[in-house]
Amino acid sequence: MTGDEQLREKLAKVEAVFRQAGSPGERAVAGAAAERLRGRLGSADSDGGPETEFQFSLPDMWSVRLFVAVCRKHGLRPFRYVRQRRTTVMVRARTATTVLSAAGSR
């Protein structure tokens, strides 16, 4: 049984306690425990692996500024290496779909 499955079982048990709680105090404790378990499940899903660098070469400075603005809007941090052309933008992300979905929402 994996850690993810164990967390899901614990969450199911805590939610059952929450539904059957007799006092408001029991409900509050069970609700807080359920939120902590949901948070742990969410953080396990977000750790998809190491970040990968993606390089984008754009035709002009207007495109660069627009791309950088869209990346920043979606929580990505674009950058350039030293001595790299001004029309080249680097972005670190866990998956290519993250970068492409940010760039495609123009």
PDB file of N, CA and C in Angstrom:
ATOM      1  N   MET A   1       0.847  -1.171   0.000  1.00  0.00           N
ATOM      2  CA  MET A   1       0.000   0.000   0.000  1.00  0.00           C
ATOM      3  C   MET A   1       0.902   1.247   0.000  1.00  0.00           C
ATOM      4  N   THR A   2       0.662   2.163  -0.906  1.00  0.00           N
ATOM      5  CA  THR A   2       1.490   3.353  -1.015  1.00  0.00           C
ATOM      6  C   THR A   2       1.074   4.403   0.004  1.00  0.00           C
ATOM      7  N   GLY A   3       1.901   5.407   0.155  1.00  0.00           N
ATOM      8  CA  GLY A   3       1.606   6.490   1.093  1.00  0.00           C
ATOM      9  C   GLY A   3       0.357   7.262   0.716  1.00  0.00           C
ATOM     10  N   ASP A   4       0.129   7.399  -0.586  1.00  0.00           N
ATOM     11  CA  ASP A   4      -1.056   8.119  -1.058  1.00  0.00           C
ATOM     12  C   ASP A   4      -2.331   7.376  -0.678  1.00  0.00           C
ATOM     13  N   GLU A   5      -2.311   6.063  -0.821  1.00  0.00           N
ATOM     14  CA  GLU A   5      -3.480   5.255  -0.460  1.00  0.00           C
ATOM     15  C   GLU A   5      -3.735   5.308   1.040  1.00  0.00           C
ATOM     16  N   GLN A   6      -2.662   5.294   1.824  1.00  0.00           N
ATOM     17  CA  GLN A   6      -2.818   5.378   3.283  1.00  0.00           C
ATOM     18  C   GLN A   6      -3.438   6.711   3.687  1.00  0.00           C
ATOM     19  N   LEU A   7      -2.997   7.789   3.051  1.00  0.00           N
ATOM     20  CA  LEU A   7      -3.569   9.103   3.355  1.00  0.00           C
ATOM     21  C   LEU A   7      -5.049   9.153   3.003  1.00  0.00           C
ATOM     22  N   ARG A   8      -5.419   8.548   1.892  1.00  0.00           N
ATOM     23  CA  ARG A   8      -6.826   8.530   1.489  1.00  0.00           C
ATOM     24  C   ARG A   8      -7.680   7.729   2.481  1.00  0.00           C
ATOM     25  N   GLU A   9      -7.137   6.602   2.993  1.00  0.00           N
ATOM     26  CA  GLU A   9      -7.862   5.824   3.996  1.00  0.00           C
ATOM     27  C   GLU A   9      -8.051   6.620   5.281  1.00  0.00           C
ATOM     28  N   LYS A  10      -6.982   7.288   5.728  1.00  0.00           N
ATOM     29  CA  LYS A  10      -7.085   8.113   6.936  1.00  0.00           C
ATOM     30  C   LYS A  10      -8.107   9.227   6.751  1.00  0.00           C
ATOM     31  N   LEU A  11      -8.100   9.835   5.577  1.00  0.00           N
ATOM     32  CA  LEU A  11      -9.043  10.911   5.300  1.00  0.00           C
ATOM     33  C   LEU A  11     -10.481  10.397   5.348  1.00  0.00           C
ATOM     34  N   ALA A  12     -10.718   9.208   4.805  1.00  0.00           N
ATOM     35  CA  ALA A  12     -12.066   8.633   4.834  1.00  0.00           C
ATOM     36  C   ALA A  12     -12.510   8.384   6.276  1.00  0.00           C
ATOM     37  N   LYS A  13     -11.596   7.888   7.117  1.00  0.00           N
ATOM     38  CA  LYS A  13     -11.931   7.637   8.519  1.00  0.00           C
ATOM     39  C   LYS A  13     -12.228   8.938   9.259  1.00  0.00           C
ATOM     40  N   VAL A  14     -11.420   9.964   9.015  1.00  0.00           N
ATOM     41  CA  VAL A  14     -11.619  11.248   9.691  1.00  0.00           C
ATOM     42  C   VAL A  14     -12.932  11.881   9.244  1.00  0.00           C
ATOM     43  N   GLU A  15     -13.256  11.775   7.956  1.00  0.00           N
ATOM     44  CA  GLU A  15     -14.522  12.318   7.478  1.00  0.00           C
ATOM     45  C   GLU A  15     -15.712  11.575   8.085  1.00  0.00           C
ATOM     46  N   ALA A  16     -15.563  10.263   8.329  1.00  0.00           N
ATOM     47  CA  ALA A  16     -16.628   9.511   8.995  1.00  0.00           C
ATOM     48  C   ALA A  16     -16.812  10.003  10.424  1.00  0.00           C
ATOM     49  N   VAL A  17     -15.720  10.271  11.121  1.00  0.00           N
ATOM     50  CA  VAL A  17     -15.796  10.812  12.482  1.00  0.00           C
ATOM     51  C   VAL A  17     -16.455  12.188  12.450  1.00  0.00           C
ATOM     52  N   PHE A  18     -16.127  12.988  11.452  1.00  0.00           N
ATOM     53  CA  PHE A  18     -16.704  14.330  11.332  1.00  0.00           C
ATOM     54  C   PHE A  18     -18.224  14.250  11.166  1.00  0.00           C
ATOM     55  N   ARG A  19     -18.692  13.306  10.349  1.00  0.00           N
ATOM     56  CA  ARG A  19     -20.137  13.162  10.126  1.00  0.00           C
ATOM     57  C   ARG A  19     -20.864  12.689  11.377  1.00  0.00           C
ATOM     58  N   GLN A  20     -20.205  11.866  12.212  1.00  0.00           N
ATOM     59  CA  GLN A  20     -20.851  11.293  13.384  1.00  0.00           C
ATOM     60  C   GLN A  20     -20.547  12.060  14.670  1.00  0.00           C
ATOM     61  N   ALA A  21     -19.861  13.178  14.575  1.00  0.00           N
ATOM     62  CA  ALA A  21     -19.461  13.934  15.768  1.00  0.00           C
ATOM     63  C   ALA A  21     -20.690  14.431  16.520  1.00  0.00           C
ATOM     64  N   GLY A  22     -20.618  14.323  17.859  1.00  0.00           N
ATOM     65  CA  GLY A  22     -21.748  14.730  18.680  1.00  0.00           C
ATOM     66  C   GLY A  22     -21.678  16.175  19.125  1.00  0.00           C
ATOM     67  N   SER A  23     -20.490  16.668  19.396  1.00  0.00           N
ATOM     68  CA  SER A  23     -20.364  18.036  19.896  1.00  0.00           C
ATOM     69  C   SER A  23     -19.636  18.911  18.874  1.00  0.00           C
ATOM     70  N   PRO A  24     -19.805  20.221  19.003  1.00  0.00           N
ATOM     71  CA  PRO A  24     -19.096  21.125  18.083  1.00  0.00           C
ATOM     72  C   PRO A  24     -17.571  21.011  18.201  1.00  0.00           C
ATOM     73  N   GLY A  25     -17.072  20.690  19.385  1.00  0.00           N
ATOM     74  CA  GLY A  25     -15.631  20.529  19.573  1.00  0.00           C
ATOM     75  C   GLY A  25     -15.084  19.355  18.785  1.00  0.00           C
ATOM     76  N   GLU A  26     -15.798  18.236  18.833  1.00  0.00           N
ATOM     77  CA  GLU A  26     -15.378  17.064  18.063  1.00  0.00           C
ATOM     78  C   GLU A  26     -15.393  17.368  16.573  1.00  0.00           C
ATOM     79  N   ARG A  27     -16.424  18.089  16.147  1.00  0.00           N
ATOM     80  CA  ARG A  27     -16.530  18.471  14.729  1.00  0.00           C
ATOM     81  C   ARG A  27     -15.356  19.341  14.309  1.00  0.00           C
ATOM     82  N   ALA A  28     -14.987  20.281  15.160  1.00  0.00           N
ATOM     83  CA  ALA A  28     -13.885  21.191  14.828  1.00  0.00           C
ATOM     84  C   ALA A  28     -12.565  20.431  14.717  1.00  0.00           C
ATOM     85  N   VAL A  29     -12.319  19.524  15.654  1.00  0.00           N
ATOM     86  CA  VAL A  29     -11.074  18.752  15.636  1.00  0.00           C
ATOM     87  C   VAL A  29     -11.019  17.856  14.399  1.00  0.00           C
ATOM     88  N   ALA A  30     -12.123  17.177  14.103  1.00  0.00           N
ATOM     89  CA  ALA A  30     -12.152  16.295  12.932  1.00  0.00           C
ATOM     90  C   ALA A  30     -12.023  17.102  11.640  1.00  0.00           C
ATOM     91  N   GLY A  31     -12.647  18.280  11.591  1.00  0.00           N
ATOM     92  CA  GLY A  31     -12.539  19.124  10.404  1.00  0.00           C
ATOM     93  C   GLY A  31     -11.122  19.610  10.171  1.00  0.00           C
ATOM     94  N   ALA A  32     -10.438  19.991  11.266  1.00  0.00           N
ATOM     95  CA  ALA A  32      -9.052  20.446  11.144  1.00  0.00           C
ATOM     96  C   ALA A  32      -8.149  19.304  10.676  1.00  0.00           C
ATOM     97  N   ALA A  33      -8.371  18.110  11.212  1.00  0.00           N
ATOM     98  CA  ALA A  33      -7.568  16.959  10.797  1.00  0.00           C
ATOM     99  C   ALA A  33      -7.806  16.639   9.328  1.00  0.00           C
ATOM    100  N   ALA A  34      -9.057  16.733   8.885  1.00  0.00           N
ATOM    101  CA  ALA A  34      -9.367  16.464   7.480  1.00  0.00           C
ATOM    102  C   ALA A  34      -8.683  17.484   6.569  1.00  0.00           C
ATOM    103  N   GLU A  35      -8.669  18.744   6.970  1.00  0.00           N
ATOM    104  CA  GLU A  35      -8.005  19.779   6.161  1.00  0.00           C
ATOM    105  C   GLU A  35      -6.504  19.523   6.063  1.00  0.00           C
ATOM    106  N   ARG A  36      -5.881  19.109   7.179  1.00  0.00           N
ATOM    107  CA  ARG A  36      -4.445  18.802   7.151  1.00  0.00           C
ATOM    108  C   ARG A  36      -4.161  17.640   6.196  1.00  0.00           C
ATOM    109  N   LEU A  37      -5.006  16.603   6.252  1.00  0.00           N
ATOM    110  CA  LEU A  37      -4.805  15.457   5.356  1.00  0.00           C
ATOM    111  C   LEU A  37      -5.014  15.844   3.897  1.00  0.00           C
ATOM    112  N   ARG A  38      -6.016  16.679   3.616  1.00  0.00           N
ATOM    113  CA  ARG A  38      -6.221  17.141   2.236  1.00  0.00           C
ATOM    114  C   ARG A  38      -5.023  17.946   1.760  1.00  0.00           C
ATOM    115  N   GLY A  39      -4.453  18.745   2.640  1.00  0.00           N
ATOM    116  CA  GLY A  39      -3.257  19.517   2.289  1.00  0.00           C
ATOM    117  C   GLY A  39      -2.082  18.618   1.960  1.00  0.00           C
ATOM    118  N   ARG A  40      -1.913  17.547   2.749  1.00  0.00           N
ATOM    119  CA  ARG A  40      -0.826  16.611   2.486  1.00  0.00           C
ATOM    120  C   ARG A  40      -1.044  15.874   1.174  1.00  0.00           C
ATOM    121  N   LEU A  41      -2.288  15.539   0.871  1.00  0.00           N
ATOM    122  CA  LEU A  41      -2.585  14.893  -0.412  1.00  0.00           C
ATOM    123  C   LEU A  41      -2.297  15.839  -1.568  1.00  0.00           C
ATOM    124  N   GLY A  42      -2.660  17.106  -1.418  1.00  0.00           N
ATOM    125  CA  GLY A  42      -2.427  18.096  -2.470  1.00  0.00           C
ATOM    126  C   GLY A  42      -0.954  18.348  -2.702  1.00  0.00           C
ATOM    127  N   SER A  43      -0.163  18.395  -1.622  1.00  0.00           N
ATOM    128  CA  SER A  43       1.268  18.649  -1.785  1.00  0.00           C
ATOM    129  C   SER A  43       1.964  17.441  -2.387  1.00  0.00           C
ATOM    130  N   ALA A  44       1.453  16.240  -2.120  1.00  0.00           N
ATOM    131  CA  ALA A  44       2.036  15.049  -2.734  1.00  0.00           C
ATOM    132  C   ALA A  44       1.795  15.053  -4.236  1.00  0.00           C
ATOM    133  N   ASP A  45       0.644  15.570  -4.672  1.00  0.00           N
ATOM    134  CA  ASP A  45       0.348  15.631  -6.102  1.00  0.00           C
ATOM    135  C   ASP A  45       1.182  16.688  -6.808  1.00  0.00           C
ATOM    136  N   SER A  46       1.490  17.792  -6.128  1.00  0.00           N
ATOM    137  CA  SER A  46       2.210  18.882  -6.774  1.00  0.00           C
ATOM    138  C   SER A  46       3.697  18.591  -6.940  1.00  0.00           C
ATOM    139  N   ASP A  47       4.246  17.649  -6.171  1.00  0.00           N
ATOM    140  CA  ASP A  47       5.651  17.295  -6.302  1.00  0.00           C
ATOM    141  C   ASP A  47       5.825  16.295  -7.429  1.00  0.00           C
ATOM    142  N   GLY A  48       5.652  16.770  -8.658  1.00  0.00           N
ATOM    143  CA  GLY A  48       5.687  15.901  -9.817  1.00  0.00           C
ATOM    144  C   GLY A  48       7.083  15.500 -10.242  1.00  0.00           C
ATOM    145  N   GLY A  49       8.089  16.185  -9.778  1.00  0.00           N
ATOM    146  CA  GLY A  49       9.440  15.861 -10.157  1.00  0.00           C
ATOM    147  C   GLY A  49      10.270  17.128 -10.263  1.00  0.00           C
ATOM    148  N   PRO A  50      11.480  16.995 -10.800  1.00  0.00           N
ATOM    149  CA  PRO A  50      12.365  18.158 -10.892  1.00  0.00           C
ATOM    150  C   PRO A  50      11.897  19.145 -11.957  1.00  0.00           C
ATOM    151  N   GLU A  51      12.304  20.374 -11.789  1.00  0.00           N
ATOM    152  CA  GLU A  51      11.960  21.397 -12.774  1.00  0.00           C
ATOM    153  C   GLU A  51      12.857  21.260 -14.000  1.00  0.00           C
ATOM    154  N   THR A  52      12.324  21.612 -15.136  1.00  0.00           N
ATOM    155  CA  THR A  52      13.044  21.562 -16.398  1.00  0.00           C
ATOM    156  C   THR A  52      13.102  22.971 -16.969  1.00  0.00           C
ATOM    157  N   GLU A  53      14.212  23.296 -17.616  1.00  0.00           N
ATOM    158  CA  GLU A  53      14.341  24.611 -18.250  1.00  0.00           C
ATOM    159  C   GLU A  53      13.844  24.540 -19.684  1.00  0.00           C
ATOM    160  N   PHE A  54      13.063  25.531 -20.053  1.00  0.00           N
ATOM    161  CA  PHE A  54      12.575  25.646 -21.419  1.00  0.00           C
ATOM    162  C   PHE A  54      13.099  26.943 -22.005  1.00  0.00           C
ATOM    163  N   GLN A  55      13.567  26.888 -23.253  1.00  0.00           N
ATOM    164  CA  GLN A  55      14.111  28.064 -23.924  1.00  0.00           C
ATOM    165  C   GLN A  55      13.164  28.487 -25.035  1.00  0.00           C
ATOM    166  N   PHE A  56      12.828  29.768 -25.051  1.00  0.00           N
ATOM    167  CA  PHE A  56      11.957  30.330 -26.080  1.00  0.00           C
ATOM    168  C   PHE A  56      12.697  31.436 -26.794  1.00  0.00           C
ATOM    169  N   SER A  57      12.807  31.343 -28.123  1.00  0.00           N
ATOM    170  CA  SER A  57      13.411  32.388 -28.940  1.00  0.00           C
ATOM    171  C   SER A  57      12.280  33.093 -29.674  1.00  0.00           C
ATOM    172  N   LEU A  58      12.115  34.359 -29.367  1.00  0.00           N
ATOM    173  CA  LEU A  58      10.996  35.118 -29.914  1.00  0.00           C
ATOM    174  C   LEU A  58      11.503  36.110 -30.948  1.00  0.00           C
ATOM    175  N   PRO A  59      10.653  36.525 -31.897  1.00  0.00           N
ATOM    176  CA  PRO A  59      11.120  37.334 -33.020  1.00  0.00           C
ATOM    177  C   PRO A  59      11.464  38.784 -32.686  1.00  0.00           C
ATOM    178  N   ASP A  60      10.775  39.419 -31.731  1.00  0.00           N
ATOM    179  CA  ASP A  60      11.045  40.825 -31.438  1.00  0.00           C
ATOM    180  C   ASP A  60      10.790  41.112 -29.958  1.00  0.00           C
ATOM    181  N   MET A  61      11.173  42.319 -29.531  1.00  0.00           N
ATOM    182  CA  MET A  61      11.058  42.682 -28.111  1.00  0.00           C
ATOM    183  C   MET A  61       9.610  42.778 -27.665  1.00  0.00           C
ATOM    184  N   TRP A  62       8.696  43.153 -28.543  1.00  0.00           N
ATOM    185  CA  TRP A  62       7.283  43.215 -28.158  1.00  0.00           C
ATOM    186  C   TRP A  62       6.787  41.819 -27.764  1.00  0.00           C
ATOM    187  N   SER A  63       7.140  40.818 -28.525  1.00  0.00           N
ATOM    188  CA  SER A  63       6.747  39.442 -28.210  1.00  0.00           C
ATOM    189  C   SER A  63       7.371  38.975 -26.899  1.00  0.00           C
ATOM    190  N   VAL A  64       8.612  39.379 -26.680  1.00  0.00           N
ATOM    191  CA  VAL A  64       9.292  39.015 -25.436  1.00  0.00           C
ATOM    192  C   VAL A  64       8.556  39.612 -24.244  1.00  0.00           C
ATOM    193  N   ARG A  65       8.233  40.890 -24.318  1.00  0.00           N
ATOM    194  CA  ARG A  65       7.549  41.549 -23.200  1.00  0.00           C
ATOM    195  C   ARG A  65       6.177  40.931 -22.941  1.00  0.00           C
ATOM    196  N   LEU A  66       5.470  40.621 -23.999  1.00  0.00           N
ATOM    197  CA  LEU A  66       4.158  40.001 -23.855  1.00  0.00           C
ATOM    198  C   LEU A  66       4.284  38.605 -23.235  1.00  0.00           C
ATOM    199  N   PHE A  67       5.243  37.812 -23.703  1.00  0.00           N
ATOM    200  CA  PHE A  67       5.455  36.467 -23.171  1.00  0.00           C
ATOM    201  C   PHE A  67       5.859  36.513 -21.700  1.00  0.00           C
ATOM    202  N   VAL A  68       6.745  37.423 -21.352  1.00  0.00           N
ATOM    203  CA  VAL A  68       7.184  37.560 -19.961  1.00  0.00           C
ATOM    204  C   VAL A  68       6.010  37.954 -19.067  1.00  0.00           C
ATOM    205  N   ALA A  69       5.170  38.853 -19.530  1.00  0.00           N
ATOM    206  CA  ALA A  69       4.010  39.277 -18.746  1.00  0.00           C
ATOM    207  C   ALA A  69       3.046  38.117 -18.505  1.00  0.00           C
ATOM    208  N   VAL A  70       2.810  37.322 -19.534  1.00  0.00           N
ATOM    209  CA  VAL A  70       1.906  36.182 -19.396  1.00  0.00           C
ATOM    210  C   VAL A  70       2.507  35.134 -18.453  1.00  0.00           C
ATOM    211  N   CYS A  71       3.802  34.889 -18.564  1.00  0.00           N
ATOM    212  CA  CYS A  71       4.460  33.929 -17.669  1.00  0.00           C
ATOM    213  C   CYS A  71       4.336  34.374 -16.222  1.00  0.00           C
ATOM    214  N   ARG A  72       4.609  35.640 -15.962  1.00  0.00           N
ATOM    215  CA  ARG A  72       4.529  36.150 -14.589  1.00  0.00           C
ATOM    216  C   ARG A  72       3.102  36.094 -14.053  1.00  0.00           C
ATOM    217  N   LYS A  73       2.132  36.334 -14.919  1.00  0.00           N
ATOM    218  CA  LYS A  73       0.731  36.271 -14.508  1.00  0.00           C
ATOM    219  C   LYS A  73       0.372  34.874 -14.012  1.00  0.00           C
ATOM    220  N   HIS A  74       0.966  33.850 -14.607  1.00  0.00           N
ATOM    221  CA  HIS A  74       0.666  32.470 -14.250  1.00  0.00           C
ATOM    222  C   HIS A  74       1.657  31.888 -13.239  1.00  0.00           C
ATOM    223  N   GLY A  75       2.454  32.728 -12.606  1.00  0.00           N
ATOM    224  CA  GLY A  75       3.330  32.269 -11.532  1.00  0.00           C
ATOM    225  C   GLY A  75       4.662  31.700 -11.969  1.00  0.00           C
ATOM    226  N   LEU A  76       5.028  31.863 -13.217  1.00  0.00           N
ATOM    227  CA  LEU A  76       6.327  31.404 -13.700  1.00  0.00           C
ATOM    228  C   LEU A  76       7.313  32.558 -13.647  1.00  0.00           C
ATOM    229  N   ARG A  77       8.588  32.237 -13.481  1.00  0.00           N
ATOM    230  CA  ARG A  77       9.608  33.290 -13.386  1.00  0.00           C
ATOM    231  C   ARG A  77      10.564  33.194 -14.576  1.00  0.00           C
ATOM    232  N   PRO A  78      10.319  33.989 -15.619  1.00  0.00           N
ATOM    233  CA  PRO A  78      11.216  33.967 -16.783  1.00  0.00           C
ATOM    234  C   PRO A  78      12.543  34.656 -16.458  1.00  0.00           C
ATOM    235  N   PHE A  79      13.619  34.245 -17.150  1.00  0.00           N
ATOM    236  CA  PHE A  79      14.933  34.824 -16.920  1.00  0.00           C
ATOM    237  C   PHE A  79      15.778  34.663 -18.165  1.00  0.00           C
ATOM    238  N   ARG A  80      16.967  35.291 -18.148  1.00  0.00           N
ATOM    239  CA  ARG A  80      17.959  35.140 -19.221  1.00  0.00           C
ATOM    240  C   ARG A  80      19.291  34.836 -18.576  1.00  0.00           C
ATOM    241  N   TYR A  81      20.118  34.053 -19.268  1.00  0.00           N
ATOM    242  CA  TYR A  81      21.482  33.842 -18.814  1.00  0.00           C
ATOM    243  C   TYR A  81      22.350  34.996 -19.286  1.00  0.00           C
ATOM    244  N   VAL A  82      23.501  35.146 -18.666  1.00  0.00           N
ATOM    245  CA  VAL A  82      24.435  36.192 -19.054  1.00  0.00           C
ATOM    246  C   VAL A  82      24.857  35.967 -20.507  1.00  0.00           C
ATOM    247  N   ARG A  83      24.938  37.057 -21.271  1.00  0.00           N
ATOM    248  CA  ARG A  83      25.340  37.063 -22.675  1.00  0.00           C
ATOM    249  C   ARG A  83      24.346  36.362 -23.590  1.00  0.00           C
ATOM    250  N   GLN A  84      23.146  36.140 -23.131  1.00  0.00           N
ATOM    251  CA  GLN A  84      22.113  35.542 -23.970  1.00  0.00           C
ATOM    252  C   GLN A  84      21.390  36.666 -24.713  1.00  0.00           C
ATOM    253  N   ARG A  85      20.920  36.392 -25.913  1.00  0.00           N
ATOM    254  CA  ARG A  85      20.238  37.426 -26.687  1.00  0.00           C
ATOM    255  C   ARG A  85      19.009  37.928 -25.954  1.00  0.00           C
ATOM    256  N   ARG A  86      18.644  39.164 -26.215  1.00  0.00           N
ATOM    257  CA  ARG A  86      17.502  39.771 -25.537  1.00  0.00           C
ATOM    258  C   ARG A  86      16.169  39.164 -25.962  1.00  0.00           C
ATOM    259  N   THR A  87      16.148  38.490 -27.096  1.00  0.00           N
ATOM    260  CA  THR A  87      14.906  37.889 -27.559  1.00  0.00           C
ATOM    261  C   THR A  87      14.762  36.425 -27.129  1.00  0.00           C
ATOM    262  N   THR A  88      15.683  35.955 -26.293  1.00  0.00           N
ATOM    263  CA  THR A  88      15.610  34.589 -25.773  1.00  0.00           C
ATOM    264  C   THR A  88      15.159  34.649 -24.325  1.00  0.00           C
ATOM    265  N   VAL A  89      14.179  33.824 -23.993  1.00  0.00           N
ATOM    266  CA  VAL A  89      13.644  33.787 -22.634  1.00  0.00           C
ATOM    267  C   VAL A  89      13.714  32.349 -22.133  1.00  0.00           C
ATOM    268  N   MET A  90      14.197  32.179 -20.910  1.00  0.00           N
ATOM    269  CA  MET A  90      14.250  30.872 -20.270  1.00  0.00           C
ATOM    270  C   MET A  90      13.175  30.821 -19.186  1.00  0.00           C
ATOM    271  N   VAL A  91      12.557  29.651 -19.025  1.00  0.00           N
ATOM    272  CA  VAL A  91      11.534  29.459 -17.997  1.00  0.00           C
ATOM    273  C   VAL A  91      11.752  28.094 -17.376  1.00  0.00           C
ATOM    274  N   ARG A  92      11.710  28.027 -16.036  1.00  0.00           N
ATOM    275  CA  ARG A  92      11.788  26.744 -15.333  1.00  0.00           C
ATOM    276  C   ARG A  92      10.385  26.343 -14.901  1.00  0.00           C
ATOM    277  N   ALA A  93      10.014  25.093 -15.189  1.00  0.00           N
ATOM    278  CA  ALA A  93       8.702  24.584 -14.796  1.00  0.00           C
ATOM    279  C   ALA A  93       8.799  23.073 -14.632  1.00  0.00           C
ATOM    280  N   ARG A  94       7.831  22.497 -13.954  1.00  0.00           N
ATOM    281  CA  ARG A  94       7.817  21.044 -13.739  1.00  0.00           C
ATOM    282  C   ARG A  94       7.398  20.303 -15.004  1.00  0.00           C
ATOM    283  N   THR A  95       6.454  20.865 -15.760  1.00  0.00           N
ATOM    284  CA  THR A  95       6.003  20.199 -16.985  1.00  0.00           C
ATOM    285  C   THR A  95       5.915  21.214 -18.118  1.00  0.00           C
ATOM    286  N   ALA A  96       5.995  20.727 -19.325  1.00  0.00           N
ATOM    287  CA  ALA A  96       5.897  21.608 -20.486  1.00  0.00           C
ATOM    288  C   ALA A  96       4.490  22.157 -20.628  1.00  0.00           C
ATOM    289  N   THR A  97       3.495  21.403 -20.174  1.00  0.00           N
ATOM    290  CA  THR A  97       2.115  21.874 -20.308  1.00  0.00           C
ATOM    291  C   THR A  97       1.876  23.122 -19.469  1.00  0.00           C
ATOM    292  N   THR A  98       2.602  23.263 -18.354  1.00  0.00           N
ATOM    293  CA  THR A  98       2.473  24.467 -17.534  1.00  0.00           C
ATOM    294  C   THR A  98       2.894  25.689 -18.321  1.00  0.00           C
ATOM    295  N   VAL A  99       4.029  25.592 -18.988  1.00  0.00           N
ATOM    296  CA  VAL A  99       4.556  26.725 -19.749  1.00  0.00           C
ATOM    297  C   VAL A  99       3.693  26.985 -20.973  1.00  0.00           C
ATOM    298  N   LEU A 100       3.323  25.927 -21.665  1.00  0.00           N
ATOM    299  CA  LEU A 100       2.564  26.105 -22.890  1.00  0.00           C
ATOM    300  C   LEU A 100       1.151  26.614 -22.623  1.00  0.00           C
ATOM    301  N   SER A 101       0.550  26.212 -21.493  1.00  0.00           N
ATOM    302  CA  SER A 101      -0.772  26.727 -21.177  1.00  0.00           C
ATOM    303  C   SER A 101      -0.689  28.211 -20.810  1.00  0.00           C
ATOM    304  N   ALA A 102       0.408  28.619 -20.151  1.00  0.00           N
ATOM    305  CA  ALA A 102       0.596  30.030 -19.833  1.00  0.00           C
ATOM    306  C   ALA A 102       0.812  30.830 -21.111  1.00  0.00           C
ATOM    307  N   ALA A 103       1.596  30.295 -22.019  1.00  0.00           N
ATOM    308  CA  ALA A 103       1.890  31.010 -23.261  1.00  0.00           C
ATOM    309  C   ALA A 103       0.688  31.009 -24.198  1.00  0.00           C
ATOM    310  N   GLY A 104      -0.132  29.992 -24.148  1.00  0.00           N
ATOM    311  CA  GLY A 104      -1.268  29.882 -25.043  1.00  0.00           C
ATOM    312  C   GLY A 104      -2.452  30.746 -24.637  1.00  0.00           C
ATOM    313  N   SER A 105      -2.430  31.297 -23.431  1.00  0.00           N
ATOM    314  CA  SER A 105      -3.580  32.083 -22.962  1.00  0.00           C
ATOM    315  C   SER A 105      -3.503  33.533 -23.389  1.00  0.00           C
ATOM    316  N   ARG A 106      -2.595  33.836 -24.317  1.00  0.00           N
ATOM    317  CA  ARG A 106      -2.478  35.220 -24.804  1.00  0.00           C
ATOM    318  C   ARG A 106      -3.720  35.569 -25.466  1.00  0.00           C
TER     319      ARG A 106
END
